[in-house]
Amino acid sequence: MLIDSHVNLHAPQFDDDREAVIARARTAGVGLMVNICDRVSNFAAVRAIADEPDIWCTVGCHPHEAKEDPDLPPGRLIELAADPRVVGIGECGLDFHYDLSPRDVQAKVFRAHVAAARESGLPLVVHSREADEVMGEILEAEFARGPFRLLMHCYTSGAELARRCAAMGAWFSVSGIATFKAAEDVRAVIEAMPADRIIVETDCPYLAPIPHRGRRNEPAYLPHVLAKLAEVRGWSLDEAERRTEDAFFALFDRIPRP
């Protein structure tokens, strides 16, 4: 089974043809998708798409949106995560590239998500961009307070942060960026990731893989990501599919394995 661990099917880019996009994903062999929450105020729209039997969802607040709810309590996330279709906490984290929310607010809201993941037992879906040192410090400090499971989504950060996260048992997801010609540094990190903790994603509608780069991304393009992962790791396509499926269900264990 192909599994797209990170989709944004509620995004307005899909408003005109959402059902067709989902149908194309299924035709391409994508048997399961996780629709990722970008902010708590949008959770109802995110959750509505997870009414499909092969689509699940998360609850959380992207660092871009942290300013919307700077005092977000862990309890609110835990309350929404009681919904059986919710399988993770996030997307959350730090984005120091765009700084669309103040950095101190990003960190505060991120820590609230960590607390919710720790208490709920659900995996934390982490976004990190140009924040390697602060991200590592926060994760290690929080992990010392009590363990939690984490996924470094669409991993494009450095090898040192990857090492620090792997020491905490993190999973890593590979996106279409791995196919980009200039992404040699990303592929070098992928080559060193723990083999049993790698999954794949599209992050659609963003980051379409080659040969679709520059277009709106969609889950049907996931086979290109899997093929590049297999190439980088020296796996056959069947092995890459099996390994990423095993890793996915080990992480998102609220989802019953078919």
C-alpha atoms as a PDB file:
ATOM      1  CA  MET A   1       0.000   0.000   0.000  1.00  0.00           C
ATOM      2  CA  LEU A   2       1.153   3.543  -0.783  1.00  0.00           C
ATOM      3  CA  ILE A   3       0.518   5.901   2.143  1.00  0.00           C
ATOM      4  CA  ASP A   4       0.603   9.683   1.877  1.00  0.00           C
ATOM      5  CA  SER A   5       1.397  10.710   5.440  1.00  0.00           C
ATOM      6  CA  HIS A   6       0.919  14.447   4.907  1.00  0.00           C
ATOM      7  CA  VAL A   7      -1.764  15.995   2.697  1.00  0.00           C
ATOM      8  CA  ASN A   8      -3.613  19.311   2.890  1.00  0.00           C
ATOM      9  CA  LEU A   9      -6.770  18.325   1.044  1.00  0.00           C
ATOM     10  CA  HIS A  10      -8.807  21.039   2.789  1.00  0.00           C
ATOM     11  CA  ALA A  11      -6.647  23.721   1.125  1.00  0.00           C
ATOM     12  CA  PRO A  12      -8.468  26.146  -1.182  1.00  0.00           C
ATOM     13  CA  GLN A  13      -6.319  24.947  -4.097  1.00  0.00           C
ATOM     14  CA  PHE A  14      -8.530  21.833  -4.129  1.00  0.00           C
ATOM     15  CA  ASP A  15     -11.913  23.542  -3.845  1.00  0.00           C
ATOM     16  CA  ASP A  16     -12.790  23.035  -7.511  1.00  0.00           C
ATOM     17  CA  ASP A  17     -11.874  19.357  -7.863  1.00  0.00           C
ATOM     18  CA  ARG A  18     -11.274  17.825  -4.428  1.00  0.00           C
ATOM     19  CA  GLU A  19     -13.195  14.619  -5.123  1.00  0.00           C
ATOM     20  CA  ALA A  20     -11.377  14.130  -8.426  1.00  0.00           C
ATOM     21  CA  VAL A  21      -8.019  14.596  -6.677  1.00  0.00           C
ATOM     22  CA  ILE A  22      -8.933  11.958  -4.115  1.00  0.00           C
ATOM     23  CA  ALA A  23     -10.122   9.613  -6.868  1.00  0.00           C
ATOM     24  CA  ARG A  24      -6.840  10.038  -8.781  1.00  0.00           C
ATOM     25  CA  ALA A  25      -4.907   9.230  -5.627  1.00  0.00           C
ATOM     26  CA  ARG A  26      -6.775   5.969  -5.209  1.00  0.00           C
ATOM     27  CA  THR A  27      -6.250   5.098  -8.875  1.00  0.00           C
ATOM     28  CA  ALA A  28      -2.512   5.711  -8.397  1.00  0.00           C
ATOM     29  CA  GLY A  29      -2.470   3.155  -5.572  1.00  0.00           C
ATOM     30  CA  VAL A  30      -2.554   5.510  -2.587  1.00  0.00           C
ATOM     31  CA  GLY A  31      -4.526   3.501  -0.071  1.00  0.00           C
ATOM     32  CA  LEU A  32      -4.381   5.865   2.886  1.00  0.00           C
ATOM     33  CA  MET A  33      -3.871   9.591   3.518  1.00  0.00           C
ATOM     34  CA  VAL A  34      -3.480  11.787   6.601  1.00  0.00           C
ATOM     35  CA  ASN A  35      -5.017  15.261   6.271  1.00  0.00           C
ATOM     36  CA  ILE A  36      -2.955  17.706   8.317  1.00  0.00           C
ATOM     37  CA  CYS A  37      -4.441  20.488  10.434  1.00  0.00           C
ATOM     38  CA  ASP A  38      -2.956  23.955   9.893  1.00  0.00           C
ATOM     39  CA  ARG A  39      -4.776  25.768  12.723  1.00  0.00           C
ATOM     40  CA  VAL A  40      -7.271  24.805  15.400  1.00  0.00           C
ATOM     41  CA  SER A  41      -9.884  27.242  14.072  1.00  0.00           C
ATOM     42  CA  ASN A  42      -9.832  25.257  10.818  1.00  0.00           C
ATOM     43  CA  PHE A  43     -10.131  21.841  12.448  1.00  0.00           C
ATOM     44  CA  ALA A  44     -13.759  21.296  11.383  1.00  0.00           C
ATOM     45  CA  ALA A  45     -12.800  21.596   7.700  1.00  0.00           C
ATOM     46  CA  VAL A  46      -9.795  19.311   8.191  1.00  0.00           C
ATOM     47  CA  ARG A  47     -11.870  16.744  10.049  1.00  0.00           C
ATOM     48  CA  ALA A  48     -14.716  16.766   7.500  1.00  0.00           C
ATOM     49  CA  ILE A  49     -12.414  15.300   4.869  1.00  0.00           C
ATOM     50  CA  ALA A  50     -11.429  12.499   7.270  1.00  0.00           C
ATOM     51  CA  ASP A  51     -14.959  11.105   7.063  1.00  0.00           C
ATOM     52  CA  GLU A  52     -13.649   9.081   4.133  1.00  0.00           C
ATOM     53  CA  PRO A  53     -12.633   5.589   5.308  1.00  0.00           C
ATOM     54  CA  ASP A  54      -9.115   5.898   3.854  1.00  0.00           C
ATOM     55  CA  ILE A  55      -8.457   9.453   5.102  1.00  0.00           C
ATOM     56  CA  TRP A  56      -7.498  10.342   8.674  1.00  0.00           C
ATOM     57  CA  CYS A  57      -6.447  13.671  10.180  1.00  0.00           C
ATOM     58  CA  THR A  58      -4.462  15.527  12.827  1.00  0.00           C
ATOM     59  CA  VAL A  59      -5.151  18.532  15.030  1.00  0.00           C
ATOM     60  CA  GLY A  60      -2.700  21.365  15.534  1.00  0.00           C
ATOM     61  CA  CYS A  61      -1.380  24.783  14.585  1.00  0.00           C
ATOM     62  CA  HIS A  62       1.328  25.429  11.993  1.00  0.00           C
ATOM     63  CA  PRO A  63       4.019  27.856  13.211  1.00  0.00           C
ATOM     64  CA  HIS A  64       2.862  30.359  10.590  1.00  0.00           C
ATOM     65  CA  GLU A  65      -0.503  30.461  12.379  1.00  0.00           C
ATOM     66  CA  ALA A  66       0.772  30.406  15.984  1.00  0.00           C
ATOM     67  CA  LYS A  67      -0.044  34.096  16.399  1.00  0.00           C
ATOM     68  CA  GLU A  68      -3.736  33.260  15.930  1.00  0.00           C
ATOM     69  CA  ASP A  69      -3.821  31.456  19.280  1.00  0.00           C
ATOM     70  CA  PRO A  70      -0.684  32.346  21.281  1.00  0.00           C
ATOM     71  CA  ASP A  71      -2.142  30.951  24.515  1.00  0.00           C
ATOM     72  CA  LEU A  72      -3.327  27.673  22.989  1.00  0.00           C
ATOM     73  CA  PRO A  73      -3.654  25.215  25.895  1.00  0.00           C
ATOM     74  CA  PRO A  74      -2.612  21.571  25.536  1.00  0.00           C
ATOM     75  CA  GLY A  75      -6.030  20.607  26.865  1.00  0.00           C
ATOM     76  CA  ARG A  76      -7.760  22.020  23.788  1.00  0.00           C
ATOM     77  CA  LEU A  77      -5.638  19.854  21.520  1.00  0.00           C
ATOM     78  CA  ILE A  78      -6.199  16.810  23.731  1.00  0.00           C
ATOM     79  CA  GLU A  79      -9.946  17.417  23.700  1.00  0.00           C
ATOM     80  CA  LEU A  80     -10.091  17.507  19.890  1.00  0.00           C
ATOM     81  CA  ALA A  81      -7.714  14.542  19.638  1.00  0.00           C
ATOM     82  CA  ALA A  82     -10.294  12.385  21.418  1.00  0.00           C
ATOM     83  CA  ASP A  83     -12.016  12.120  18.035  1.00  0.00           C
ATOM     84  CA  PRO A  84     -11.150   8.611  16.788  1.00  0.00           C
ATOM     85  CA  ARG A  85     -10.296   9.939  13.312  1.00  0.00           C
ATOM     86  CA  VAL A  86      -7.517  12.121  14.764  1.00  0.00           C
ATOM     87  CA  VAL A  87      -4.202  10.262  14.622  1.00  0.00           C
ATOM     88  CA  GLY A  88      -1.590  12.919  15.415  1.00  0.00           C
ATOM     89  CA  ILE A  89      -0.831  16.287  16.996  1.00  0.00           C
ATOM     90  CA  GLY A  90       0.318  19.000  14.596  1.00  0.00           C
ATOM     91  CA  GLU A  91       1.557  20.195  12.221  1.00  0.00           C
ATOM     92  CA  CYS A  92       3.464  22.344  14.675  1.00  0.00           C
ATOM     93  CA  GLY A  93       6.982  23.617  15.193  1.00  0.00           C
ATOM     94  CA  LEU A  94       9.260  26.478  14.201  1.00  0.00           C
ATOM     95  CA  ASP A  95       9.654  28.381  10.947  1.00  0.00           C
ATOM     96  CA  PHE A  96      12.380  31.022  11.120  1.00  0.00           C
ATOM     97  CA  HIS A  97      12.454  31.453   7.338  1.00  0.00           C
ATOM     98  CA  TYR A  98       9.191  33.367   7.002  1.00  0.00           C
ATOM     99  CA  ASP A  99       8.699  34.367  10.664  1.00  0.00           C
ATOM    100  CA  LEU A 100       4.973  34.815  10.059  1.00  0.00           C
ATOM    101  CA  SER A 101       4.474  34.485  13.822  1.00  0.00           C
ATOM    102  CA  PRO A 102       6.877  35.900  16.440  1.00  0.00           C
ATOM    103  CA  ARG A 103       9.536  33.376  17.366  1.00  0.00           C
ATOM    104  CA  ASP A 104       8.690  33.373  21.065  1.00  0.00           C
ATOM    105  CA  VAL A 105       5.036  32.700  20.213  1.00  0.00           C
ATOM    106  CA  GLN A 106       6.032  29.877  17.856  1.00  0.00           C
ATOM    107  CA  ALA A 107       8.057  28.260  20.636  1.00  0.00           C
ATOM    108  CA  LYS A 108       5.304  28.642  23.228  1.00  0.00           C
ATOM    109  CA  VAL A 109       2.638  27.139  20.981  1.00  0.00           C
ATOM    110  CA  PHE A 110       5.017  24.372  19.934  1.00  0.00           C
ATOM    111  CA  ARG A 111       5.584  23.382  23.555  1.00  0.00           C
ATOM    112  CA  ALA A 112       1.808  23.183  24.048  1.00  0.00           C
ATOM    113  CA  HIS A 113       1.680  20.652  21.207  1.00  0.00           C
ATOM    114  CA  VAL A 114       4.496  18.631  22.755  1.00  0.00           C
ATOM    115  CA  ALA A 115       2.570  18.469  26.034  1.00  0.00           C
ATOM    116  CA  ALA A 116      -0.550  17.331  24.179  1.00  0.00           C
ATOM    117  CA  ALA A 117       1.392  14.631  22.322  1.00  0.00           C
ATOM    118  CA  ARG A 118       2.965  13.415  25.544  1.00  0.00           C
ATOM    119  CA  GLU A 119      -0.386  13.183  27.346  1.00  0.00           C
ATOM    120  CA  SER A 120      -2.438  11.777  24.461  1.00  0.00           C
ATOM    121  CA  GLY A 121       0.196   9.312  23.282  1.00  0.00           C
ATOM    122  CA  LEU A 122      -0.330  10.477  19.696  1.00  0.00           C
ATOM    123  CA  PRO A 123       2.669  11.288  17.482  1.00  0.00           C
ATOM    124  CA  LEU A 124       3.830  14.878  17.124  1.00  0.00           C
ATOM    125  CA  VAL A 125       4.065  16.108  13.511  1.00  0.00           C
ATOM    126  CA  VAL A 126       6.924  18.620  13.473  1.00  0.00           C
ATOM    127  CA  HIS A 127       7.682  21.398  10.979  1.00  0.00           C
ATOM    128  CA  SER A 128      11.180  22.859  11.217  1.00  0.00           C
ATOM    129  CA  ARG A 129      12.691  25.398   8.850  1.00  0.00           C
ATOM    130  CA  GLU A 130      15.912  27.319   9.447  1.00  0.00           C
ATOM    131  CA  ALA A 131      15.552  26.657  13.185  1.00  0.00           C
ATOM    132  CA  ASP A 132      17.799  23.643  13.722  1.00  0.00           C
ATOM    133  CA  GLU A 133      19.523  24.715  16.925  1.00  0.00           C
ATOM    134  CA  VAL A 134      16.426  26.012  18.721  1.00  0.00           C
ATOM    135  CA  MET A 135      14.368  23.044  17.516  1.00  0.00           C
ATOM    136  CA  GLY A 136      16.936  20.597  18.870  1.00  0.00           C
ATOM    137  CA  GLU A 137      17.084  22.406  22.202  1.00  0.00           C
ATOM    138  CA  ILE A 138      13.306  22.451  22.652  1.00  0.00           C
ATOM    139  CA  LEU A 139      12.831  18.833  21.635  1.00  0.00           C
ATOM    140  CA  GLU A 140      15.626  17.576  23.906  1.00  0.00           C
ATOM    141  CA  ALA A 141      14.423  19.642  26.863  1.00  0.00           C
ATOM    142  CA  GLU A 142      10.850  18.456  26.425  1.00  0.00           C
ATOM    143  CA  PHE A 143      11.910  14.855  25.871  1.00  0.00           C
ATOM    144  CA  ALA A 144      13.841  14.972  29.149  1.00  0.00           C
ATOM    145  CA  ARG A 145      10.577  15.929  30.899  1.00  0.00           C
ATOM    146  CA  GLY A 146       8.853  12.858  29.492  1.00  0.00           C
ATOM    147  CA  PRO A 147       9.086  10.936  26.219  1.00  0.00           C
ATOM    148  CA  PHE A 148       6.785  11.378  23.244  1.00  0.00           C
ATOM    149  CA  ARG A 149       6.811  10.143  19.659  1.00  0.00           C
ATOM    150  CA  LEU A 150       7.729  12.583  16.930  1.00  0.00           C
ATOM    151  CA  LEU A 151       7.769  12.797  13.175  1.00  0.00           C
ATOM    152  CA  MET A 152      10.079  15.272  11.472  1.00  0.00           C
ATOM    153  CA  HIS A 153       7.867  15.999   8.505  1.00  0.00           C
ATOM    154  CA  CYS A 154       9.229  16.874   5.037  1.00  0.00           C
ATOM    155  CA  TYR A 155      12.734  16.731   6.478  1.00  0.00           C
ATOM    156  CA  THR A 156      15.094  19.221   4.821  1.00  0.00           C
ATOM    157  CA  SER A 157      17.035  20.392   7.879  1.00  0.00           C
ATOM    158  CA  GLY A 158      20.644  19.553   8.616  1.00  0.00           C
ATOM    159  CA  ALA A 159      22.373  16.292   9.440  1.00  0.00           C
ATOM    160  CA  GLU A 160      23.063  17.349  13.030  1.00  0.00           C
ATOM    161  CA  LEU A 161      19.400  17.975  13.870  1.00  0.00           C
ATOM    162  CA  ALA A 162      18.552  14.667  12.204  1.00  0.00           C
ATOM    163  CA  ARG A 163      21.099  12.943  14.442  1.00  0.00           C
ATOM    164  CA  ARG A 164      19.694  14.607  17.571  1.00  0.00           C
ATOM    165  CA  CYS A 165      16.134  13.683  16.617  1.00  0.00           C
ATOM    166  CA  ALA A 166      17.059  10.104  15.725  1.00  0.00           C
ATOM    167  CA  ALA A 167      18.553   9.760  19.209  1.00  0.00           C
ATOM    168  CA  MET A 168      15.064  10.533  20.546  1.00  0.00           C
ATOM    169  CA  GLY A 169      13.569   7.824  18.332  1.00  0.00           C
ATOM    170  CA  ALA A 170      12.131  10.203  15.739  1.00  0.00           C
ATOM    171  CA  TRP A 171      10.566   9.165  12.471  1.00  0.00           C
ATOM    172  CA  PHE A 172      11.316  11.153   9.279  1.00  0.00           C
ATOM    173  CA  SER A 173       9.182  11.772   6.214  1.00  0.00           C
ATOM    174  CA  VAL A 174      10.513  12.253   2.707  1.00  0.00           C
ATOM    175  CA  SER A 175       8.772  14.594   0.267  1.00  0.00           C
ATOM    176  CA  GLY A 176       9.057  15.678  -3.360  1.00  0.00           C
ATOM    177  CA  ILE A 177      12.010  17.888  -2.421  1.00  0.00           C
ATOM    178  CA  ALA A 178      14.121  14.722  -2.543  1.00  0.00           C
ATOM    179  CA  THR A 179      13.592  14.662  -6.330  1.00  0.00           C
ATOM    180  CA  PHE A 180      14.827  18.223  -6.917  1.00  0.00           C
ATOM    181  CA  LYS A 181      18.117  18.410  -8.808  1.00  0.00           C
ATOM    182  CA  ALA A 182      19.716  20.816  -6.330  1.00  0.00           C
ATOM    183  CA  ALA A 183      18.716  18.800  -3.250  1.00  0.00           C
ATOM    184  CA  GLU A 184      21.919  16.758  -2.874  1.00  0.00           C
ATOM    185  CA  ASP A 185      22.206  17.764   0.789  1.00  0.00           C
ATOM    186  CA  VAL A 186      18.670  16.513   1.456  1.00  0.00           C
ATOM    187  CA  ARG A 187      19.413  13.202  -0.227  1.00  0.00           C
ATOM    188  CA  ALA A 188      22.597  12.825   1.819  1.00  0.00           C
ATOM    189  CA  VAL A 189      20.576  13.125   5.034  1.00  0.00           C
ATOM    190  CA  ILE A 190      17.963  10.669   3.716  1.00  0.00           C
ATOM    191  CA  GLU A 191      20.757   8.185   3.068  1.00  0.00           C
ATOM    192  CA  ALA A 192      21.621   8.236   6.788  1.00  0.00           C
ATOM    193  CA  MET A 193      18.097   8.155   8.261  1.00  0.00           C
ATOM    194  CA  PRO A 194      17.112   5.131  10.411  1.00  0.00           C
ATOM    195  CA  ALA A 195      15.857   2.585   7.886  1.00  0.00           C
ATOM    196  CA  ASP A 196      12.876   1.520   9.990  1.00  0.00           C
ATOM    197  CA  ARG A 197      11.656   5.077  10.651  1.00  0.00           C
ATOM    198  CA  ILE A 198      11.208   6.584   7.178  1.00  0.00           C
ATOM    199  CA  ILE A 199       7.817   7.363   5.653  1.00  0.00           C
ATOM    200  CA  VAL A 200       6.742   9.339   2.577  1.00  0.00           C
ATOM    201  CA  GLU A 201       4.479  12.293   1.885  1.00  0.00           C
ATOM    202  CA  THR A 202       3.468  14.788  -0.783  1.00  0.00           C
ATOM    203  CA  ASP A 203       2.615  17.816   1.419  1.00  0.00           C
ATOM    204  CA  CYS A 204       0.156  18.604  -1.377  1.00  0.00           C
ATOM    205  CA  PRO A 205      -0.714  21.084  -2.805  1.00  0.00           C
ATOM    206  CA  TYR A 206       2.923  22.140  -2.251  1.00  0.00           C
ATOM    207  CA  LEU A 207       6.296  20.719  -3.350  1.00  0.00           C
ATOM    208  CA  ALA A 208       5.296  18.707  -6.404  1.00  0.00           C
ATOM    209  CA  PRO A 209       8.036  16.207  -7.276  1.00  0.00           C
ATOM    210  CA  ILE A 210       9.856  16.050 -10.581  1.00  0.00           C
ATOM    211  CA  PRO A 211       8.433  15.598 -13.260  1.00  0.00           C
ATOM    212  CA  HIS A 212       5.494  17.683 -11.953  1.00  0.00           C
ATOM    213  CA  ARG A 213       7.508  20.435 -10.288  1.00  0.00           C
ATOM    214  CA  GLY A 214       5.866  23.841 -10.645  1.00  0.00           C
ATOM    215  CA  ARG A 215       2.350  22.410 -10.736  1.00  0.00           C
ATOM    216  CA  ARG A 216      -0.127  21.948  -7.926  1.00  0.00           C
ATOM    217  CA  ASN A 217       0.915  18.826  -6.054  1.00  0.00           C
ATOM    218  CA  GLU A 218      -1.522  16.013  -5.280  1.00  0.00           C
ATOM    219  CA  PRO A 219      -1.376  12.569  -3.649  1.00  0.00           C
ATOM    220  CA  ALA A 220      -1.368  10.788  -7.016  1.00  0.00           C
ATOM    221  CA  TYR A 221       2.234  11.988  -7.427  1.00  0.00           C
ATOM    222  CA  LEU A 222       3.419  10.030  -4.377  1.00  0.00           C
ATOM    223  CA  PRO A 223       4.953   7.184  -6.467  1.00  0.00           C
ATOM    224  CA  HIS A 224       7.625   9.624  -7.680  1.00  0.00           C
ATOM    225  CA  VAL A 225       8.634  10.323  -4.067  1.00  0.00           C
ATOM    226  CA  LEU A 226       8.756   6.619  -3.224  1.00  0.00           C
ATOM    227  CA  ALA A 227      10.849   5.899  -6.322  1.00  0.00           C
ATOM    228  CA  LYS A 228      13.411   8.540  -5.361  1.00  0.00           C
ATOM    229  CA  LEU A 229      13.576   7.218  -1.796  1.00  0.00           C
ATOM    230  CA  ALA A 230      14.188   3.715  -3.155  1.00  0.00           C
ATOM    231  CA  GLU A 231      16.949   5.032  -5.402  1.00  0.00           C
ATOM    232  CA  VAL A 232      18.669   6.981  -2.628  1.00  0.00           C
ATOM    233  CA  ARG A 233      18.543   4.087  -0.166  1.00  0.00           C
ATOM    234  CA  GLY A 234      19.354   1.363  -2.695  1.00  0.00           C
ATOM    235  CA  TRP A 235      16.023  -0.402  -2.127  1.00  0.00           C
ATOM    236  CA  SER A 236      13.727  -1.990  -4.658  1.00  0.00           C
ATOM    237  CA  LEU A 237      10.341  -0.314  -5.058  1.00  0.00           C
ATOM    238  CA  ASP A 238       8.688  -3.233  -3.282  1.00  0.00           C
ATOM    239  CA  GLU A 239      11.121  -2.948  -0.371  1.00  0.00           C
ATOM    240  CA  ALA A 240      10.633   0.811  -0.144  1.00  0.00           C
ATOM    241  CA  GLU A 241       6.866   0.381  -0.111  1.00  0.00           C
ATOM    242  CA  ARG A 242       7.024  -2.314   2.563  1.00  0.00           C
ATOM    243  CA  ARG A 243       9.470  -0.440   4.761  1.00  0.00           C
ATOM    244  CA  THR A 244       7.567   2.859   4.635  1.00  0.00           C
ATOM    245  CA  GLU A 245       4.273   1.092   5.289  1.00  0.00           C
ATOM    246  CA  ASP A 246       5.708  -0.720   8.313  1.00  0.00           C
ATOM    247  CA  ALA A 247       7.178   2.537   9.638  1.00  0.00           C
ATOM    248  CA  PHE A 248       3.919   4.408   9.112  1.00  0.00           C
ATOM    249  CA  PHE A 249       1.799   1.972  11.096  1.00  0.00           C
ATOM    250  CA  ALA A 250       4.399   1.785  13.846  1.00  0.00           C
ATOM    251  CA  LEU A 251       4.076   5.561  14.237  1.00  0.00           C
ATOM    252  CA  PHE A 252       0.393   6.194  13.537  1.00  0.00           C
ATOM    253  CA  ASP A 253      -0.803   3.266  15.605  1.00  0.00           C
ATOM    254  CA  ARG A 254      -4.328   4.597  16.101  1.00  0.00           C
ATOM    255  CA  ILE A 255      -4.975   3.590  12.493  1.00  0.00           C
ATOM    256  CA  PRO A 256      -5.882  -0.105  12.175  1.00  0.00           C
ATOM    257  CA  ARG A 257      -3.611  -1.847   9.704  1.00  0.00           C
ATOM    258  CA  PRO A 258      -5.571  -3.502   6.880  1.00  0.00           C
END
